Amino acid sequence: MTEESKLSFKEQRIRKITHLYYSRPEVQEAIFEFSKNREVVPRYFEGFGKRPDCFQYKGDIFELVKKGATSFHCSEEIWKDPLQIKTGMTEEQLNEIRHGWDLLIDIDSKYIDYSKIMAEVIIDFLKFHGIKKIGVKFSGSKGFHILIPWKAFPKEMAEIKNSNMFPEYPRIITQYIIEKTKMKLI
């Protein structure tokens, strides 16, 4: 029995689609550029890849797809060197190697239309507050990811380095956004 015939129909179909999608040079380029200085973990049918990991070359993406990767997950945090991350590091040790962080708002709802409305309300709120660089992506289920790059934030607030305030600042900012937009969502 071949490796291909051992896989379920669903898994074979997903592998063909991911193979087709991730073989596109522009997709590899976009993922590679976004993933610089980030921890990246491939997702397989049976679980996730090893940590820490990152891409050294654009071709690493398709090589992992050939080995069965179906998606890639990047950290919100931006590191000086993601391969320095170790389990059990103290907050101070993480702050030493963290360069910054992106604000990621993960919107999930039972219904895609509700998620779409929620994303639009939040994006309008962010634009109202002068935020110009906003990334939006479909999360692959019934939701969206809204991303504000770390460069949109000042390097320091109240004489505290923003890079040292992960995950506290993202939680505070997200809570503020929820509080200020909830009346438009009721």
C-alpha atoms as a PDB file:
ATOM      1  CA  MET A   1       0.000   0.000   0.000  1.00  0.00           C
ATOM      2  CA  THR A   2       1.426   3.396  -0.970  1.00  0.00           C
ATOM      3  CA  GLU A   3       1.647   6.362   1.398  1.00  0.00           C
ATOM      4  CA  GLU A   4      -1.001   8.165  -0.693  1.00  0.00           C
ATOM      5  CA  SER A   5      -3.535   5.309  -0.414  1.00  0.00           C
ATOM      6  CA  LYS A   6      -3.187   5.195   3.401  1.00  0.00           C
ATOM      7  CA  LEU A   7      -4.472   8.762   3.709  1.00  0.00           C
ATOM      8  CA  SER A   8      -8.183   9.530   4.037  1.00  0.00           C
ATOM      9  CA  PHE A   9      -9.932  11.143   1.086  1.00  0.00           C
ATOM     10  CA  LYS A  10     -10.227  14.396   3.058  1.00  0.00           C
ATOM     11  CA  GLU A  11      -6.512  14.425   3.904  1.00  0.00           C
ATOM     12  CA  GLN A  12      -5.527  13.642   0.299  1.00  0.00           C
ATOM     13  CA  ARG A  13      -7.727  16.503  -0.928  1.00  0.00           C
ATOM     14  CA  ILE A  14      -6.310  18.981   1.598  1.00  0.00           C
ATOM     15  CA  ARG A  15      -2.736  17.973   0.772  1.00  0.00           C
ATOM     16  CA  LYS A  16      -3.370  18.526  -2.943  1.00  0.00           C
ATOM     17  CA  ILE A  17      -4.889  21.957  -2.300  1.00  0.00           C
ATOM     18  CA  THR A  18      -2.070  23.025   0.044  1.00  0.00           C
ATOM     19  CA  HIS A  19       0.516  21.703  -2.420  1.00  0.00           C
ATOM     20  CA  LEU A  20      -1.054  23.760  -5.204  1.00  0.00           C
ATOM     21  CA  TYR A  21      -1.410  26.895  -3.038  1.00  0.00           C
ATOM     22  CA  TYR A  22       2.019  26.866  -1.380  1.00  0.00           C
ATOM     23  CA  SER A  23       3.824  26.043  -4.639  1.00  0.00           C
ATOM     24  CA  ARG A  24       2.992  29.563  -5.872  1.00  0.00           C
ATOM     25  CA  PRO A  25       6.126  31.769  -5.678  1.00  0.00           C
ATOM     26  CA  GLU A  26       4.156  34.864  -4.623  1.00  0.00           C
ATOM     27  CA  VAL A  27       2.592  32.962  -1.699  1.00  0.00           C
ATOM     28  CA  GLN A  28       5.996  31.685  -0.576  1.00  0.00           C
ATOM     29  CA  GLU A  29       7.440  35.205  -0.865  1.00  0.00           C
ATOM     30  CA  ALA A  30       4.615  36.784   1.173  1.00  0.00           C
ATOM     31  CA  ILE A  31       4.883  34.177   3.933  1.00  0.00           C
ATOM     32  CA  PHE A  32       8.672  34.351   3.988  1.00  0.00           C
ATOM     33  CA  GLU A  33       8.719  38.165   4.228  1.00  0.00           C
ATOM     34  CA  PHE A  34       6.071  38.237   6.957  1.00  0.00           C
ATOM     35  CA  SER A  35       7.793  35.520   8.966  1.00  0.00           C
ATOM     36  CA  LYS A  36      11.169  37.262   9.282  1.00  0.00           C
ATOM     37  CA  ASN A  37      12.246  37.365  12.937  1.00  0.00           C
ATOM     38  CA  ARG A  38       9.161  35.417  13.981  1.00  0.00           C
ATOM     39  CA  GLU A  39       8.772  31.982  15.381  1.00  0.00           C
ATOM     40  CA  VAL A  40       7.040  29.829  12.751  1.00  0.00           C
ATOM     41  CA  VAL A  41       5.457  26.453  13.347  1.00  0.00           C
ATOM     42  CA  PRO A  42       4.001  24.243  10.613  1.00  0.00           C
ATOM     43  CA  ARG A  43       0.652  22.562  11.246  1.00  0.00           C
ATOM     44  CA  TYR A  44       0.277  18.952  10.162  1.00  0.00           C
ATOM     45  CA  PHE A  45      -2.791  16.709  10.245  1.00  0.00           C
ATOM     46  CA  GLU A  46      -1.420  14.981  13.318  1.00  0.00           C
ATOM     47  CA  GLY A  47      -0.250  18.107  15.158  1.00  0.00           C
ATOM     48  CA  PHE A  48       2.281  20.907  15.069  1.00  0.00           C
ATOM     49  CA  GLY A  49       5.951  20.975  14.112  1.00  0.00           C
ATOM     50  CA  LYS A  50       8.813  21.486  16.555  1.00  0.00           C
ATOM     51  CA  ARG A  51       9.541  24.688  18.452  1.00  0.00           C
ATOM     52  CA  PRO A  52      11.276  26.992  18.132  1.00  0.00           C
ATOM     53  CA  ASP A  53      11.559  27.166  14.382  1.00  0.00           C
ATOM     54  CA  CYS A  54      11.817  29.781  11.640  1.00  0.00           C
ATOM     55  CA  PHE A  55      12.376  29.936   7.905  1.00  0.00           C
ATOM     56  CA  GLN A  56      15.921  30.474   6.704  1.00  0.00           C
ATOM     57  CA  TYR A  57      15.007  30.305   3.022  1.00  0.00           C
ATOM     58  CA  LYS A  58      11.851  30.889   1.016  1.00  0.00           C
ATOM     59  CA  GLY A  59      12.084  27.278  -0.213  1.00  0.00           C
ATOM     60  CA  ASP A  60      11.703  25.994   3.370  1.00  0.00           C
ATOM     61  CA  ILE A  61       7.963  26.648   3.086  1.00  0.00           C
ATOM     62  CA  PHE A  62       7.347  24.291   0.186  1.00  0.00           C
ATOM     63  CA  GLU A  63       9.717  21.664   1.597  1.00  0.00           C
ATOM     64  CA  LEU A  64       7.549  21.499   4.735  1.00  0.00           C
ATOM     65  CA  VAL A  65       4.411  21.259   2.571  1.00  0.00           C
ATOM     66  CA  LYS A  66       5.948  18.257   0.786  1.00  0.00           C
ATOM     67  CA  LYS A  67       6.349  16.688   4.235  1.00  0.00           C
ATOM     68  CA  GLY A  68       2.643  17.229   4.976  1.00  0.00           C
ATOM     69  CA  ALA A  69       2.373  20.757   6.415  1.00  0.00           C
ATOM     70  CA  THR A  70      -1.127  22.133   5.817  1.00  0.00           C
ATOM     71  CA  SER A  71      -0.654  25.633   7.273  1.00  0.00           C
ATOM     72  CA  PHE A  72       1.876  27.841   9.019  1.00  0.00           C
ATOM     73  CA  HIS A  73       1.480  29.725  12.281  1.00  0.00           C
ATOM     74  CA  CYS A  74       3.665  32.753  13.052  1.00  0.00           C
ATOM     75  CA  SER A  75       4.169  34.392  16.418  1.00  0.00           C
ATOM     76  CA  GLU A  76       2.775  37.837  17.158  1.00  0.00           C
ATOM     77  CA  GLU A  77       6.108  38.536  18.774  1.00  0.00           C
ATOM     78  CA  ILE A  78       9.086  39.661  16.721  1.00  0.00           C
ATOM     79  CA  TRP A  79      12.403  38.304  17.962  1.00  0.00           C
ATOM     80  CA  LYS A  80      16.034  39.247  17.538  1.00  0.00           C
ATOM     81  CA  ASP A  81      16.566  35.520  16.858  1.00  0.00           C
ATOM     82  CA  PRO A  82      13.560  33.185  17.223  1.00  0.00           C
ATOM     83  CA  LEU A  83      15.857  30.168  17.615  1.00  0.00           C
ATOM     84  CA  GLN A  84      17.005  31.551  20.991  1.00  0.00           C
ATOM     85  CA  ILE A  85      13.555  30.877  22.502  1.00  0.00           C
ATOM     86  CA  LYS A  86      13.633  28.143  25.112  1.00  0.00           C
ATOM     87  CA  THR A  87      10.944  26.642  27.318  1.00  0.00           C
ATOM     88  CA  GLY A  88      11.013  28.021  30.848  1.00  0.00           C
ATOM     89  CA  MET A  89      12.613  31.381  30.023  1.00  0.00           C
ATOM     90  CA  THR A  90      11.920  34.155  32.508  1.00  0.00           C
ATOM     91  CA  GLU A  91      10.092  37.345  31.555  1.00  0.00           C
ATOM     92  CA  GLU A  92      13.400  39.222  31.670  1.00  0.00           C
ATOM     93  CA  GLN A  93      15.075  36.697  29.371  1.00  0.00           C
ATOM     94  CA  LEU A  94      12.201  36.930  26.881  1.00  0.00           C
ATOM     95  CA  ASN A  95      12.323  40.739  27.015  1.00  0.00           C
ATOM     96  CA  GLU A  96      16.042  40.589  26.163  1.00  0.00           C
ATOM     97  CA  ILE A  97      15.418  38.745  22.894  1.00  0.00           C
ATOM     98  CA  ARG A  98      12.017  40.248  21.953  1.00  0.00           C
ATOM     99  CA  HIS A  99      12.287  43.055  19.410  1.00  0.00           C
ATOM    100  CA  GLY A 100       8.571  43.921  19.316  1.00  0.00           C
ATOM    101  CA  TRP A 101       5.067  42.551  18.861  1.00  0.00           C
ATOM    102  CA  ASP A 102       2.108  42.998  16.561  1.00  0.00           C
ATOM    103  CA  LEU A 103      -1.377  43.527  17.905  1.00  0.00           C
ATOM    104  CA  LEU A 104      -3.501  40.640  16.660  1.00  0.00           C
ATOM    105  CA  ILE A 105      -7.249  40.732  17.161  1.00  0.00           C
ATOM    106  CA  ASP A 106      -8.769  37.311  16.530  1.00  0.00           C
ATOM    107  CA  ILE A 107     -12.464  37.546  15.661  1.00  0.00           C
ATOM    108  CA  ASP A 108     -14.443  34.325  15.738  1.00  0.00           C
ATOM    109  CA  SER A 109     -18.189  33.919  15.705  1.00  0.00           C
ATOM    110  CA  LYS A 110     -20.626  31.114  15.127  1.00  0.00           C
ATOM    111  CA  TYR A 111     -21.610  32.876  11.892  1.00  0.00           C
ATOM    112  CA  ILE A 112     -19.242  34.348   9.297  1.00  0.00           C
ATOM    113  CA  ASP A 113     -21.549  37.331   8.668  1.00  0.00           C
ATOM    114  CA  TYR A 114     -21.332  38.336  12.343  1.00  0.00           C
ATOM    115  CA  SER A 115     -17.543  38.082  12.203  1.00  0.00           C
ATOM    116  CA  LYS A 116     -17.522  40.282   9.100  1.00  0.00           C
ATOM    117  CA  ILE A 117     -19.633  42.966  10.807  1.00  0.00           C
ATOM    118  CA  MET A 118     -17.432  42.816  13.909  1.00  0.00           C
ATOM    119  CA  ALA A 119     -14.274  43.189  11.809  1.00  0.00           C
ATOM    120  CA  GLU A 120     -15.716  46.182   9.936  1.00  0.00           C
ATOM    121  CA  VAL A 121     -16.723  47.927  13.192  1.00  0.00           C
ATOM    122  CA  ILE A 122     -13.258  47.393  14.697  1.00  0.00           C
ATOM    123  CA  ILE A 123     -11.466  48.544  11.536  1.00  0.00           C
ATOM    124  CA  ASP A 124     -13.630  51.689  11.384  1.00  0.00           C
ATOM    125  CA  PHE A 125     -12.803  52.340  15.052  1.00  0.00           C
ATOM    126  CA  LEU A 126      -9.073  51.937  14.415  1.00  0.00           C
ATOM    127  CA  LYS A 127      -9.194  54.235  11.374  1.00  0.00           C
ATOM    128  CA  PHE A 128     -11.129  56.823  13.405  1.00  0.00           C
ATOM    129  CA  HIS A 129      -8.196  56.816  15.839  1.00  0.00           C
ATOM    130  CA  GLY A 130      -5.717  57.482  13.031  1.00  0.00           C
ATOM    131  CA  ILE A 131      -4.351  53.974  12.585  1.00  0.00           C
ATOM    132  CA  LYS A 132      -3.503  53.568   8.914  1.00  0.00           C
ATOM    133  CA  LYS A 133      -1.588  50.296   8.735  1.00  0.00           C
ATOM    134  CA  ILE A 134      -4.160  47.569   9.340  1.00  0.00           C
ATOM    135  CA  GLY A 135      -3.914  44.037   8.017  1.00  0.00           C
ATOM    136  CA  VAL A 136      -6.952  41.769   7.703  1.00  0.00           C
ATOM    137  CA  LYS A 137      -7.031  38.103   6.811  1.00  0.00           C
ATOM    138  CA  PHE A 138      -9.679  35.408   6.779  1.00  0.00           C
ATOM    139  CA  SER A 139      -8.720  32.995   9.545  1.00  0.00           C
ATOM    140  CA  GLY A 140      -9.840  29.896   7.684  1.00  0.00           C
ATOM    141  CA  SER A 141     -12.998  29.106   9.618  1.00  0.00           C
ATOM    142  CA  LYS A 142     -15.651  31.663  10.526  1.00  0.00           C
ATOM    143  CA  GLY A 143     -13.515  34.577  11.527  1.00  0.00           C
ATOM    144  CA  PHE A 144     -10.888  37.152  10.753  1.00  0.00           C
ATOM    145  CA  HIS A 145      -7.528  38.286  12.072  1.00  0.00           C
ATOM    146  CA  ILE A 146      -6.940  42.024  12.297  1.00  0.00           C
ATOM    147  CA  LEU A 147      -3.278  42.925  12.643  1.00  0.00           C
ATOM    148  CA  ILE A 148      -1.669  46.217  13.586  1.00  0.00           C
ATOM    149  CA  PRO A 149       2.104  46.077  13.080  1.00  0.00           C
ATOM    150  CA  TRP A 150       4.318  46.895  16.042  1.00  0.00           C
ATOM    151  CA  LYS A 151       5.845  49.768  14.082  1.00  0.00           C
ATOM    152  CA  ALA A 152       2.483  51.565  14.398  1.00  0.00           C
ATOM    153  CA  PHE A 153       3.097  51.913  18.147  1.00  0.00           C
ATOM    154  CA  PRO A 154       5.554  54.245  19.857  1.00  0.00           C
ATOM    155  CA  LYS A 155       8.778  52.608  21.068  1.00  0.00           C
ATOM    156  CA  GLU A 156       7.956  53.661  24.646  1.00  0.00           C
ATOM    157  CA  MET A 157       4.893  54.623  26.665  1.00  0.00           C
ATOM    158  CA  ALA A 158       5.268  56.127  30.130  1.00  0.00           C
ATOM    159  CA  GLU A 159       9.033  55.499  29.852  1.00  0.00           C
ATOM    160  CA  ILE A 160       8.447  51.754  29.459  1.00  0.00           C
ATOM    161  CA  LYS A 161       9.701  49.947  26.351  1.00  0.00           C
ATOM    162  CA  ASN A 162       6.696  48.591  24.445  1.00  0.00           C
ATOM    163  CA  SER A 163       8.675  45.509  23.433  1.00  0.00           C
ATOM    164  CA  ASN A 164       8.764  44.538  27.127  1.00  0.00           C
ATOM    165  CA  MET A 165       5.009  44.812  27.557  1.00  0.00           C
ATOM    166  CA  PHE A 166       3.850  41.646  25.817  1.00  0.00           C
ATOM    167  CA  PRO A 167       1.206  40.352  26.458  1.00  0.00           C
ATOM    168  CA  GLU A 168       0.030  43.132  28.806  1.00  0.00           C
ATOM    169  CA  TYR A 169      -0.314  45.978  26.284  1.00  0.00           C
ATOM    170  CA  PRO A 170      -2.082  43.891  23.615  1.00  0.00           C
ATOM    171  CA  ARG A 171      -4.601  42.741  26.247  1.00  0.00           C
ATOM    172  CA  ILE A 172      -5.189  46.304  27.486  1.00  0.00           C
ATOM    173  CA  ILE A 173      -5.551  47.685  23.951  1.00  0.00           C
ATOM    174  CA  THR A 174      -7.899  44.872  22.919  1.00  0.00           C
ATOM    175  CA  GLN A 175     -10.037  45.377  26.025  1.00  0.00           C
ATOM    176  CA  TYR A 176     -10.258  49.098  25.223  1.00  0.00           C
ATOM    177  CA  ILE A 177     -11.345  48.333  21.647  1.00  0.00           C
ATOM    178  CA  ILE A 178     -13.990  45.876  22.887  1.00  0.00           C
ATOM    179  CA  GLU A 179     -15.303  48.385  25.418  1.00  0.00           C
ATOM    180  CA  LYS A 180     -15.510  51.230  22.884  1.00  0.00           C
ATOM    181  CA  THR A 181     -17.107  49.203  20.069  1.00  0.00           C
ATOM    182  CA  LYS A 182     -19.529  46.950  21.942  1.00  0.00           C
ATOM    183  CA  MET A 183     -22.506  49.331  21.609  1.00  0.00           C
ATOM    184  CA  LYS A 184     -22.219  49.115  17.811  1.00  0.00           C
ATOM    185  CA  LEU A 185     -22.324  45.331  18.004  1.00  0.00           C
ATOM    186  CA  ILE A 186     -25.397  44.918  20.200  1.00  0.00           C
END
